[in-house]
Amino acid sequence: MQAKTHNLQEFQKTARDFALGLSPVSNRATIVGLYGDLGSGKTTFVQAVARALGVSETVNSPTFLIWKRFKIYDLRFKHLIHCDSYRLKSGEELKRLRFDELLADPANLILIEWADKVADILPKDHHKLFFEFIDDKTRKISFS
């Protein structure tokens, strides 16, 4: 499936619809890998998902923290984990930051920016979203 958005409102609606359509995985956290170049919309997508799930805090990319946890009030998930793997060289570095604990909890929804950098430790069946910068206002998102 693909979506092409032409403004911020369309982009945010696409993110909200995606978030509201997610179903939890029963035996582990639900993982969403965000793939795409710098400026393609990954952080903006996470921010819109967070808002759709009731996060009132400011959601910025945790580039230097690597991951940040947000409490959400959703019947499907209890925590949104926002991970930014930009500075990592491999999944092993993410594992050292207790990623296995996050992954083990079915109440977690984990969104990972720059998922290609840690793909070696992600479940093969994780949700994959590919972001493409078309122009200043237009983005293409491919879902698999």
C-alpha atoms as a PDB file:
ATOM      1  CA  MET A   1       0.000   0.000   0.000  1.00  0.00           C
ATOM      2  CA  GLN A   2       1.136   3.564  -0.667  1.00  0.00           C
ATOM      3  CA  ALA A   3       0.047   7.035   0.338  1.00  0.00           C
ATOM      4  CA  LYS A   4       1.071  10.291  -1.262  1.00  0.00           C
ATOM      5  CA  THR A   5       0.463  13.353   0.891  1.00  0.00           C
ATOM      6  CA  HIS A   6       0.532  16.924  -0.375  1.00  0.00           C
ATOM      7  CA  ASN A   7       0.458  18.858   2.884  1.00  0.00           C
ATOM      8  CA  LEU A   8       1.036  18.441   6.598  1.00  0.00           C
ATOM      9  CA  GLN A   9      -2.636  17.788   7.366  1.00  0.00           C
ATOM     10  CA  GLU A  10      -2.814  14.885   4.892  1.00  0.00           C
ATOM     11  CA  PHE A  11       0.460  13.504   6.250  1.00  0.00           C
ATOM     12  CA  GLN A  12      -0.797  13.666   9.837  1.00  0.00           C
ATOM     13  CA  LYS A  13      -4.104  12.026   8.866  1.00  0.00           C
ATOM     14  CA  THR A  14      -2.187   9.179   7.198  1.00  0.00           C
ATOM     15  CA  ALA A  15      -0.167   8.694  10.392  1.00  0.00           C
ATOM     16  CA  ARG A  16      -3.291   8.825  12.567  1.00  0.00           C
ATOM     17  CA  ASP A  17      -5.108   6.294  10.376  1.00  0.00           C
ATOM     18  CA  PHE A  18      -2.082   3.995  10.489  1.00  0.00           C
ATOM     19  CA  ALA A  19      -1.868   4.238  14.292  1.00  0.00           C
ATOM     20  CA  LEU A  20      -5.555   3.601  14.827  1.00  0.00           C
ATOM     21  CA  GLY A  21      -5.434   0.594  12.509  1.00  0.00           C
ATOM     22  CA  LEU A  22      -2.583  -1.173  14.298  1.00  0.00           C
ATOM     23  CA  SER A  23      -3.206  -4.427  16.099  1.00  0.00           C
ATOM     24  CA  PRO A  24      -0.871  -5.578  18.871  1.00  0.00           C
ATOM     25  CA  VAL A  25       1.290  -8.660  18.504  1.00  0.00           C
ATOM     26  CA  SER A  26       0.409 -11.146  21.234  1.00  0.00           C
ATOM     27  CA  ASN A  27       3.846 -12.398  22.277  1.00  0.00           C
ATOM     28  CA  ARG A  28       6.054  -9.292  21.975  1.00  0.00           C
ATOM     29  CA  ALA A  29       6.011  -5.566  21.318  1.00  0.00           C
ATOM     30  CA  THR A  30       4.584  -4.269  18.071  1.00  0.00           C
ATOM     31  CA  ILE A  31       7.467  -2.899  15.996  1.00  0.00           C
ATOM     32  CA  VAL A  32       7.194  -0.273  13.260  1.00  0.00           C
ATOM     33  CA  GLY A  33      10.400   0.355  11.316  1.00  0.00           C
ATOM     34  CA  LEU A  34      10.628   3.757   9.646  1.00  0.00           C
ATOM     35  CA  TYR A  35      12.931   3.800   6.618  1.00  0.00           C
ATOM     36  CA  GLY A  36      13.890   6.833   4.554  1.00  0.00           C
ATOM     37  CA  ASP A  37      16.337   9.624   3.972  1.00  0.00           C
ATOM     38  CA  LEU A  38      16.876  12.633   6.209  1.00  0.00           C
ATOM     39  CA  GLY A  39      13.917  15.013   5.890  1.00  0.00           C
ATOM     40  CA  SER A  40      11.521  12.422   4.494  1.00  0.00           C
ATOM     41  CA  GLY A  41       9.058  12.702   7.401  1.00  0.00           C
ATOM     42  CA  LYS A  42       9.945   9.947   9.872  1.00  0.00           C
ATOM     43  CA  THR A  43       9.915  12.148  12.998  1.00  0.00           C
ATOM     44  CA  THR A  44       6.802  14.020  11.876  1.00  0.00           C
ATOM     45  CA  PHE A  45       5.081  10.664  11.400  1.00  0.00           C
ATOM     46  CA  VAL A  46       6.013   9.559  14.944  1.00  0.00           C
ATOM     47  CA  GLN A  47       4.737  12.865  16.327  1.00  0.00           C
ATOM     48  CA  ALA A  48       1.380  12.388  14.582  1.00  0.00           C
ATOM     49  CA  VAL A  49       1.105   8.776  15.794  1.00  0.00           C
ATOM     50  CA  ALA A  50       1.886   9.936  19.335  1.00  0.00           C
ATOM     51  CA  ARG A  51      -0.826  12.588  19.194  1.00  0.00           C
ATOM     52  CA  ALA A  52      -3.318  10.055  17.808  1.00  0.00           C
ATOM     53  CA  LEU A  53      -2.575   7.801  20.796  1.00  0.00           C
ATOM     54  CA  GLY A  54      -3.002  10.583  23.351  1.00  0.00           C
ATOM     55  CA  VAL A  55       0.597  11.649  24.051  1.00  0.00           C
ATOM     56  CA  SER A  56       0.501  15.270  25.222  1.00  0.00           C
ATOM     57  CA  GLU A  57       4.244  15.652  25.743  1.00  0.00           C
ATOM     58  CA  THR A  58       6.508  17.128  23.075  1.00  0.00           C
ATOM     59  CA  VAL A  59       7.851  14.331  20.893  1.00  0.00           C
ATOM     60  CA  ASN A  60      11.273  15.096  19.441  1.00  0.00           C
ATOM     61  CA  SER A  61      13.660  12.682  17.829  1.00  0.00           C
ATOM     62  CA  PRO A  62      15.745  11.105  20.629  1.00  0.00           C
ATOM     63  CA  THR A  63      18.953  11.146  18.559  1.00  0.00           C
ATOM     64  CA  PHE A  64      21.286  11.320  21.554  1.00  0.00           C
ATOM     65  CA  LEU A  65      19.085   9.404  24.006  1.00  0.00           C
ATOM     66  CA  ILE A  66      18.435   6.683  21.367  1.00  0.00           C
ATOM     67  CA  TRP A  67      14.971   5.867  22.754  1.00  0.00           C
ATOM     68  CA  LYS A  68      12.285   7.521  24.829  1.00  0.00           C
ATOM     69  CA  ARG A  69       9.163   6.014  26.431  1.00  0.00           C
ATOM     70  CA  PHE A  70       5.769   7.714  26.516  1.00  0.00           C
ATOM     71  CA  LYS A  71       2.764   6.536  28.519  1.00  0.00           C
ATOM     72  CA  ILE A  72      -0.274   6.218  26.285  1.00  0.00           C
ATOM     73  CA  TYR A  73      -3.885   5.663  27.171  1.00  0.00           C
ATOM     74  CA  ASP A  74      -4.970   3.260  24.496  1.00  0.00           C
ATOM     75  CA  LEU A  75      -6.730  -0.064  24.980  1.00  0.00           C
ATOM     76  CA  ARG A  76      -4.175  -1.806  22.749  1.00  0.00           C
ATOM     77  CA  PHE A  77      -0.870  -0.384  24.037  1.00  0.00           C
ATOM     78  CA  LYS A  78       0.427   1.113  27.289  1.00  0.00           C
ATOM     79  CA  HIS A  79       3.670   2.645  26.041  1.00  0.00           C
ATOM     80  CA  LEU A  80       4.916   4.275  22.871  1.00  0.00           C
ATOM     81  CA  ILE A  81       8.662   3.812  22.521  1.00  0.00           C
ATOM     82  CA  HIS A  82      10.252   6.248  20.071  1.00  0.00           C
ATOM     83  CA  CYS A  83      13.677   5.052  18.965  1.00  0.00           C
ATOM     84  CA  ASP A  84      16.151   6.879  16.742  1.00  0.00           C
ATOM     85  CA  SER A  85      18.923   4.620  15.454  1.00  0.00           C
ATOM     86  CA  TYR A  86      20.697   7.270  13.374  1.00  0.00           C
ATOM     87  CA  ARG A  87      23.848   7.207  15.516  1.00  0.00           C
ATOM     88  CA  LEU A  88      23.991   3.400  15.826  1.00  0.00           C
ATOM     89  CA  LYS A  89      26.139   1.118  13.704  1.00  0.00           C
ATOM     90  CA  SER A  90      24.233  -2.115  14.383  1.00  0.00           C
ATOM     91  CA  GLY A  91      21.446  -3.689  16.349  1.00  0.00           C
ATOM     92  CA  GLU A  92      23.949  -4.926  18.913  1.00  0.00           C
ATOM     93  CA  GLU A  93      24.338  -1.341  20.147  1.00  0.00           C
ATOM     94  CA  LEU A  94      20.567  -1.094  20.611  1.00  0.00           C
ATOM     95  CA  LYS A  95      20.544  -4.408  22.487  1.00  0.00           C
ATOM     96  CA  ARG A  96      23.001  -2.930  25.002  1.00  0.00           C
ATOM     97  CA  LEU A  97      20.367  -0.312  25.809  1.00  0.00           C
ATOM     98  CA  ARG A  98      17.862  -2.938  27.058  1.00  0.00           C
ATOM     99  CA  PHE A  99      16.026  -3.226  23.753  1.00  0.00           C
ATOM    100  CA  ASP A 100      15.271  -6.897  24.466  1.00  0.00           C
ATOM    101  CA  GLU A 101      13.245  -5.823  27.519  1.00  0.00           C
ATOM    102  CA  LEU A 102      11.260  -3.348  25.428  1.00  0.00           C
ATOM    103  CA  LEU A 103      10.705  -5.958  22.735  1.00  0.00           C
ATOM    104  CA  ALA A 104       9.469  -8.573  25.227  1.00  0.00           C
ATOM    105  CA  ASP A 105       6.531  -6.460  26.434  1.00  0.00           C
ATOM    106  CA  PRO A 106       3.368  -6.861  24.276  1.00  0.00           C
ATOM    107  CA  ALA A 107       2.046  -3.586  25.746  1.00  0.00           C
ATOM    108  CA  ASN A 108       4.762  -1.629  23.898  1.00  0.00           C
ATOM    109  CA  LEU A 109       4.397  -0.004  20.503  1.00  0.00           C
ATOM    110  CA  ILE A 110       7.932   0.702  19.257  1.00  0.00           C
ATOM    111  CA  LEU A 111       8.537   3.104  16.373  1.00  0.00           C
ATOM    112  CA  ILE A 112      12.128   3.013  15.126  1.00  0.00           C
ATOM    113  CA  GLU A 113      13.548   5.753  12.937  1.00  0.00           C
ATOM    114  CA  TRP A 114      16.482   4.659  10.767  1.00  0.00           C
ATOM    115  CA  ALA A 115      15.391   1.037  11.213  1.00  0.00           C
ATOM    116  CA  ASP A 116      17.818  -0.062   8.481  1.00  0.00           C
ATOM    117  CA  LYS A 117      20.686   0.510  10.938  1.00  0.00           C
ATOM    118  CA  VAL A 118      19.290  -2.055  13.404  1.00  0.00           C
ATOM    119  CA  ALA A 119      17.376  -4.355  11.047  1.00  0.00           C
ATOM    120  CA  ASP A 120      19.645  -7.244  12.064  1.00  0.00           C
ATOM    121  CA  ILE A 121      17.822  -7.532  15.418  1.00  0.00           C
ATOM    122  CA  LEU A 122      14.277  -6.654  14.366  1.00  0.00           C
ATOM    123  CA  PRO A 123      11.641  -9.349  13.944  1.00  0.00           C
ATOM    124  CA  LYS A 124      11.296 -10.214  10.264  1.00  0.00           C
ATOM    125  CA  ASP A 125       7.556  -9.535  10.378  1.00  0.00           C
ATOM    126  CA  HIS A 126       7.776  -5.985  11.769  1.00  0.00           C
ATOM    127  CA  HIS A 127       5.772  -3.259  10.035  1.00  0.00           C
ATOM    128  CA  LYS A 128       7.948  -1.457   7.475  1.00  0.00           C
ATOM    129  CA  LEU A 129       7.182   2.086   6.359  1.00  0.00           C
ATOM    130  CA  PHE A 130       9.305   3.637   3.614  1.00  0.00           C
ATOM    131  CA  PHE A 131       9.310   7.437   3.383  1.00  0.00           C
ATOM    132  CA  GLU A 132      10.225   9.376   0.267  1.00  0.00           C
ATOM    133  CA  PHE A 133      10.743  13.140  -0.030  1.00  0.00           C
ATOM    134  CA  ILE A 134       9.085  14.344  -3.247  1.00  0.00           C
ATOM    135  CA  ASP A 135       9.183  18.121  -2.700  1.00  0.00           C
ATOM    136  CA  ASP A 136       8.818  20.612   0.170  1.00  0.00           C
ATOM    137  CA  LYS A 137       5.219  19.557   0.842  1.00  0.00           C
ATOM    138  CA  THR A 138       4.831  16.156  -0.798  1.00  0.00           C
ATOM    139  CA  ARG A 139       5.822  12.822   0.726  1.00  0.00           C
ATOM    140  CA  LYS A 140       5.251   9.273  -0.398  1.00  0.00           C
ATOM    141  CA  ILE A 141       4.841   6.547   2.236  1.00  0.00           C
ATOM    142  CA  SER A 142       4.948   2.888   1.261  1.00  0.00           C
ATOM    143  CA  PHE A 143       3.614   0.374   3.787  1.00  0.00           C
ATOM    144  CA  SER A 144       4.630  -3.291   3.955  1.00  0.00           C
END
